[in-house]
C-alpha atoms as a PDB file:
ATOM      1  CA  MET A   1       0.055  -0.005  -0.226  1.00  0.00           C
ATOM      2  CA  ALA A   2       1.489   3.386  -1.028  1.00  0.00           C
ATOM      3  CA  SER A   3       1.640   5.816   1.848  1.00  0.00           C
ATOM      4  CA  SER A   4      -0.052   9.051   1.015  1.00  0.00           C
ATOM      5  CA  GLN A   5       1.978  12.148   1.346  1.00  0.00           C
ATOM      6  CA  TRP A   6       0.384  15.254   2.471  1.00  0.00           C
ATOM      7  CA  ARG A   7       1.276  18.771   1.269  1.00  0.00           C
ATOM      8  CA  VAL A   8       0.978  21.831   3.282  1.00  0.00           C
ATOM      9  CA  ILE A   9      -0.214  24.799   1.468  1.00  0.00           C
ATOM     10  CA  LYS A  10       0.436  27.944   3.434  1.00  0.00           C
ATOM     11  CA  ALA A  11      -1.936  30.811   2.959  1.00  0.00           C
ATOM     12  CA  SER A  12      -1.997  34.323   4.500  1.00  0.00           C
ATOM     13  CA  VAL A  13      -4.039  37.311   4.295  1.00  0.00           C
ATOM     14  CA  PRO A  14      -2.522  40.382   2.839  1.00  0.00           C
ATOM     15  CA  ASP A  15      -1.195  43.285   5.022  1.00  0.00           C
ATOM     16  CA  ILE A  16      -4.290  45.496   4.585  1.00  0.00           C
ATOM     17  CA  SER A  17      -2.411  48.672   5.866  1.00  0.00           C
ATOM     18  CA  LYS A  18       0.305  48.140   3.355  1.00  0.00           C
ATOM     19  CA  MET A  19      -2.445  47.844   0.616  1.00  0.00           C
ATOM     20  CA  LEU A  20      -4.250  51.017   1.900  1.00  0.00           C
ATOM     21  CA  LYS A  21      -1.194  53.177   1.632  1.00  0.00           C
ATOM     22  CA  PRO A  22      -0.984  53.520  -2.100  1.00  0.00           C
ATOM     23  CA  PHE A  23      -4.697  54.695  -1.941  1.00  0.00           C
ATOM     24  CA  GLU A  24      -4.164  57.215   0.625  1.00  0.00           C
ATOM     25  CA  LYS A  25      -0.910  58.540  -1.015  1.00  0.00           C
ATOM     26  CA  ASN A  26      -2.674  58.665  -4.369  1.00  0.00           C
ATOM     27  CA  MET A  27      -5.802  60.454  -2.890  1.00  0.00           C
ATOM     28  CA  GLY A  28      -3.422  63.016  -1.438  1.00  0.00           C
ATOM     29  CA  PHE A  29      -1.811  63.666  -4.848  1.00  0.00           C
ATOM     30  CA  TYR A  30      -5.256  64.025  -6.469  1.00  0.00           C
ATOM     31  CA  LEU A  31      -6.526  66.427  -3.824  1.00  0.00           C
ATOM     32  CA  THR A  32      -3.500  68.660  -4.255  1.00  0.00           C
ATOM     33  CA  LYS A  33      -4.497  69.102  -8.029  1.00  0.00           C
ATOM     34  CA  VAL A  34      -8.176  69.748  -6.689  1.00  0.00           C
ATOM     35  CA  LYS A  35      -6.743  72.285  -4.088  1.00  0.00           C
ATOM     36  CA  THR A  36      -5.026  74.049  -7.066  1.00  0.00           C
ATOM     37  CA  SER A  37      -8.069  74.288  -9.095  1.00  0.00           C
ATOM     38  CA  PHE A  38     -10.033  75.813  -6.221  1.00  0.00           C
ATOM     39  CA  SER A  39      -7.155  78.289  -5.686  1.00  0.00           C
ATOM     40  CA  SER A  40      -7.433  79.233  -9.087  1.00  0.00           C
ATOM     41  CA  SER A  41     -11.028  80.379  -9.061  1.00  0.00           C
ATOM     42  CA  THR A  42      -9.816  82.987  -6.548  1.00  0.00           C
ATOM     43  CA  GLN A  43      -6.521  83.962  -7.875  1.00  0.00           C
ATOM     44  CA  THR A  44      -7.283  87.535  -8.604  1.00  0.00           C
ATOM     45  CA  TRP A  45      -9.256  88.106  -5.272  1.00  0.00           C
ATOM     46  CA  ASP A  46      -7.942  90.511  -2.599  1.00  0.00           C
ATOM     47  CA  HIS A  47      -9.813  88.227  -0.126  1.00  0.00           C
ATOM     48  CA  LYS A  48      -8.140  84.906  -0.117  1.00  0.00           C
ATOM     49  CA  PRO A  49     -10.253  81.774   1.179  1.00  0.00           C
ATOM     50  CA  VAL A  50      -8.075  79.073   2.883  1.00  0.00           C
ATOM     51  CA  PHE A  51      -8.816  75.601   1.306  1.00  0.00           C
ATOM     52  CA  ASP A  52      -7.972  72.550   3.512  1.00  0.00           C
ATOM     53  CA  LYS A  53      -7.452  68.909   2.196  1.00  0.00           C
ATOM     54  CA  GLU A  54      -7.860  66.068   4.225  1.00  0.00           C
ATOM     55  CA  VAL A  55      -7.651  62.262   3.332  1.00  0.00           C
ATOM     56  CA  GLU A  56      -9.388  59.921   5.688  1.00  0.00           C
ATOM     57  CA  THR A  57      -9.546  56.222   5.794  1.00  0.00           C
ATOM     58  CA  ILE A  58     -13.106  55.050   7.070  1.00  0.00           C
ATOM     59  CA  GLY A  59     -14.130  51.390   8.072  1.00  0.00           C
ATOM     60  CA  GLY A  60     -12.205  48.360   9.332  1.00  0.00           C
ATOM     61  CA  TRP A  61     -12.191  44.636   9.686  1.00  0.00           C
ATOM     62  CA  GLY A  62     -15.525  43.125   8.733  1.00  0.00           C
ATOM     63  CA  GLY A  63     -16.730  45.849   6.903  1.00  0.00           C
ATOM     64  CA  MET A  64     -15.999  47.997   3.663  1.00  0.00           C
ATOM     65  CA  ILE A  65     -12.871  50.233   3.969  1.00  0.00           C
ATOM     66  CA  ARG A  66     -13.031  53.681   2.262  1.00  0.00           C
ATOM     67  CA  VAL A  67     -10.357  56.180   1.613  1.00  0.00           C
ATOM     68  CA  VAL A  68     -12.134  59.469   1.299  1.00  0.00           C
ATOM     69  CA  GLY A  69     -10.749  62.795   0.328  1.00  0.00           C
ATOM     70  CA  THR A  70     -12.141  66.408   0.835  1.00  0.00           C
ATOM     71  CA  VAL A  71     -11.051  69.836  -0.145  1.00  0.00           C
ATOM     72  CA  SER A  72     -13.159  72.434   1.754  1.00  0.00           C
ATOM     73  CA  THR A  73     -13.282  75.942   3.007  1.00  0.00           C
ATOM     74  CA  GLU A  74     -15.193  77.735   5.837  1.00  0.00           C
ATOM     75  CA  ASP A  75     -15.105  80.862   3.966  1.00  0.00           C
ATOM     76  CA  ASP A  76     -18.554  82.463   3.683  1.00  0.00           C
ATOM     77  CA  VAL A  77     -17.798  84.578   0.642  1.00  0.00           C
ATOM     78  CA  TYR A  78     -16.671  81.725  -1.196  1.00  0.00           C
ATOM     79  CA  ARG A  79     -19.758  79.641  -0.254  1.00  0.00           C
ATOM     80  CA  TYR A  80     -22.114  82.556  -1.445  1.00  0.00           C
ATOM     81  CA  LEU A  81     -20.437  82.687  -4.877  1.00  0.00           C
ATOM     82  CA  ASN A  82     -20.160  79.073  -5.390  1.00  0.00           C
ATOM     83  CA  ASP A  83     -24.044  78.236  -4.167  1.00  0.00           C
ATOM     84  CA  GLY A  84     -25.469  81.489  -5.040  1.00  0.00           C
ATOM     85  CA  THR A  85     -27.840  83.512  -2.987  1.00  0.00           C
ATOM     86  CA  SER A  86     -31.668  84.336  -3.178  1.00  0.00           C
ATOM     87  CA  VAL A  87     -30.994  88.129  -2.345  1.00  0.00           C
ATOM     88  CA  ARG A  88     -27.980  90.275  -1.722  1.00  0.00           C
ATOM     89  CA  TYR A  89     -28.107  93.508   0.236  1.00  0.00           C
ATOM     90  CA  ALA A  90     -24.690  94.940  -1.173  1.00  0.00           C
ATOM     91  CA  THR A  91     -25.280  97.587  -3.862  1.00  0.00           C
ATOM     92  CA  MET A  92     -22.232  97.906  -6.338  1.00  0.00           C
ATOM     93  CA  THR A  93     -20.694 101.029  -7.920  1.00  0.00           C
ATOM     94  CA  PRO A  94     -21.900 101.518 -11.640  1.00  0.00           C
ATOM     95  CA  ASN A  95     -18.812 100.293 -13.008  1.00  0.00           C
ATOM     96  CA  PHE A  96     -18.908  97.084 -11.236  1.00  0.00           C
ATOM     97  CA  ARG A  97     -17.822  93.906 -13.204  1.00  0.00           C
ATOM     98  CA  ALA A  98     -17.685  90.348 -11.365  1.00  0.00           C
ATOM     99  CA  LYS A  99     -14.381  88.726 -11.293  1.00  0.00           C
ATOM    100  CA  THR A 100     -15.934  85.318 -11.576  1.00  0.00           C
ATOM    101  CA  LYS A 101     -18.740  84.104 -13.918  1.00  0.00           C
ATOM    102  CA  PRO A 102     -21.022  81.048 -13.984  1.00  0.00           C
ATOM    103  CA  GLY A 103     -19.544  78.388 -16.106  1.00  0.00           C
ATOM    104  CA  ARG A 104     -15.863  79.528 -15.498  1.00  0.00           C
ATOM    105  CA  ILE A 105     -13.407  78.508 -12.841  1.00  0.00           C
ATOM    106  CA  SER A 106     -10.632  81.059 -13.476  1.00  0.00           C
ATOM    107  CA  ALA A 107     -11.106  84.543 -11.938  1.00  0.00           C
ATOM    108  CA  GLY A 108     -10.740  87.690 -14.143  1.00  0.00           C
ATOM    109  CA  ALA A 109      -9.649  91.076 -13.401  1.00  0.00           C
ATOM    110  CA  GLY A 110     -13.260  92.421 -12.536  1.00  0.00           C
ATOM    111  CA  ALA A 111     -13.968  96.162 -11.734  1.00  0.00           C
ATOM    112  CA  GLY A 112     -15.800  98.460  -9.015  1.00  0.00           C
ATOM    113  CA  ARG A 113     -16.455  97.555  -5.571  1.00  0.00           C
ATOM    114  CA  VAL A 114     -19.118  97.559  -3.076  1.00  0.00           C
ATOM    115  CA  SER A 115     -20.899 101.086  -2.667  1.00  0.00           C
ATOM    116  CA  TYR A 116     -23.082 100.362   0.353  1.00  0.00           C
ATOM    117  CA  VAL A 117     -24.917  97.737   2.108  1.00  0.00           C
ATOM    118  CA  LEU A 118     -28.445  98.191   3.157  1.00  0.00           C
ATOM    119  CA  LYS A 119     -30.674  95.263   4.597  1.00  0.00           C
ATOM    120  CA  SER A 120     -33.793  97.361   3.805  1.00  0.00           C
ATOM    121  CA  ARG A 121     -33.235  97.174   0.005  1.00  0.00           C
ATOM    122  CA  PRO A 122     -32.606  93.687  -1.030  1.00  0.00           C
ATOM    123  CA  ARG A 123     -31.210  93.136  -4.653  1.00  0.00           C
ATOM    124  CA  PRO A 124     -31.394  90.145  -6.751  1.00  0.00           C
ATOM    125  CA  GLY A 125     -29.174  87.240  -5.510  1.00  0.00           C
ATOM    126  CA  ILE A 126     -25.978  86.205  -6.520  1.00  0.00           C
ATOM    127  CA  LYS A 127     -25.894  83.563  -9.453  1.00  0.00           C
ATOM    128  CA  PRO A 128     -24.355  80.324  -8.356  1.00  0.00           C
ATOM    129  CA  ARG A 129     -20.649  79.877  -9.808  1.00  0.00           C
ATOM    130  CA  LYS A 130     -20.533  76.134  -8.970  1.00  0.00           C
ATOM    131  CA  PHE A 131     -16.761  75.960  -8.908  1.00  0.00           C
ATOM    132  CA  ASP A 132     -17.191  72.604  -6.847  1.00  0.00           C
ATOM    133  CA  GLU A 133     -19.271  70.800  -9.707  1.00  0.00           C
ATOM    134  CA  GLN A 134     -16.972  72.076 -12.487  1.00  0.00           C
ATOM    135  CA  ILE A 135     -13.934  71.232 -10.719  1.00  0.00           C
ATOM    136  CA  ALA A 136     -15.063  67.604 -10.235  1.00  0.00           C
ATOM    137  CA  LYS A 137     -15.813  67.286 -13.776  1.00  0.00           C
ATOM    138  CA  ILE A 138     -12.366  68.494 -14.872  1.00  0.00           C
ATOM    139  CA  ARG A 139     -10.426  66.375 -12.453  1.00  0.00           C
ATOM    140  CA  GLN A 140     -12.388  63.197 -13.147  1.00  0.00           C
ATOM    141  CA  LYS A 141      -9.783  61.827 -15.331  1.00  0.00           C
ATOM    142  CA  ASP A 142      -7.254  62.613 -12.804  1.00  0.00           C
ATOM    143  CA  LEU A 143      -9.085  60.663 -10.223  1.00  0.00           C
ATOM    144  CA  GLU A 144      -9.510  57.712 -12.606  1.00  0.00           C
ATOM    145  CA  SER A 145      -5.810  57.762 -13.153  1.00  0.00           C
ATOM    146  CA  PHE A 146      -4.872  58.080  -9.636  1.00  0.00           C
ATOM    147  CA  PHE A 147      -7.141  55.344  -8.677  1.00  0.00           C
ATOM    148  CA  ALA A 148      -5.502  52.905 -11.283  1.00  0.00           C
ATOM    149  CA  LYS A 149      -2.275  53.688 -10.079  1.00  0.00           C
ATOM    150  CA  ALA A 150      -3.361  52.852  -6.485  1.00  0.00           C
ATOM    151  CA  VAL A 151      -4.661  49.606  -7.510  1.00  0.00           C
ATOM    152  CA  SER A 152      -1.597  48.475  -9.329  1.00  0.00           C
ATOM    153  CA  GLN A 153       0.662  49.791  -6.243  1.00  0.00           C
ATOM    154  CA  ALA A 154      -1.585  47.917  -3.769  1.00  0.00           C
ATOM    155  CA  ILE A 155      -1.442  44.559  -5.641  1.00  0.00           C
ATOM    156  CA  THR A 156       2.248  44.845  -5.716  1.00  0.00           C
ATOM    157  CA  ALA A 157       2.281  45.616  -1.735  1.00  0.00           C
ATOM    158  CA  SER A 158       0.301  42.692  -1.099  1.00  0.00           C
ATOM    159  CA  GLY A 159       3.271  40.443  -2.672  1.00  0.00           C
ATOM    160  CA  HIS A 160       1.443  39.496  -5.941  1.00  0.00           C
ATOM    161  CA  LYS A 161       2.587  40.662  -9.595  1.00  0.00           C
ATOM    162  CA  ILE A 162       0.374  42.195 -12.207  1.00  0.00           C
END
């Protein structure tokens, strides 16, 4: 009778933290490009909003893990222009020309200034510039490229070959 020989197969779970690093790193590179786009929307402004970027890994064992990136600002003026307003109380000088326009990200020279602010005399609101939506569309290809690179790097980090 022939003796059966057992073969030991070793298996191991890849180090998740090593696999997540490329996603976090590439998300950081992507957010730098997004932040640059947001900054270009205010390049001619005297008032400079501060844009913050944050990469966060959410989730853990037993559930889905997500790498989430955000670029944000707490600046009210930027929010008013991005989202628009229903009314405004500022009356501008006759030569006023806005530095930004709906449908464009870059800021131009503009002209004029605020003449006075009067709460009892509401004016038509500010048309939304939707910088955030435009930047998301423009940067979509960058996101896809950074994601593909992160997948490749994560596979390599797991000890496998592509």
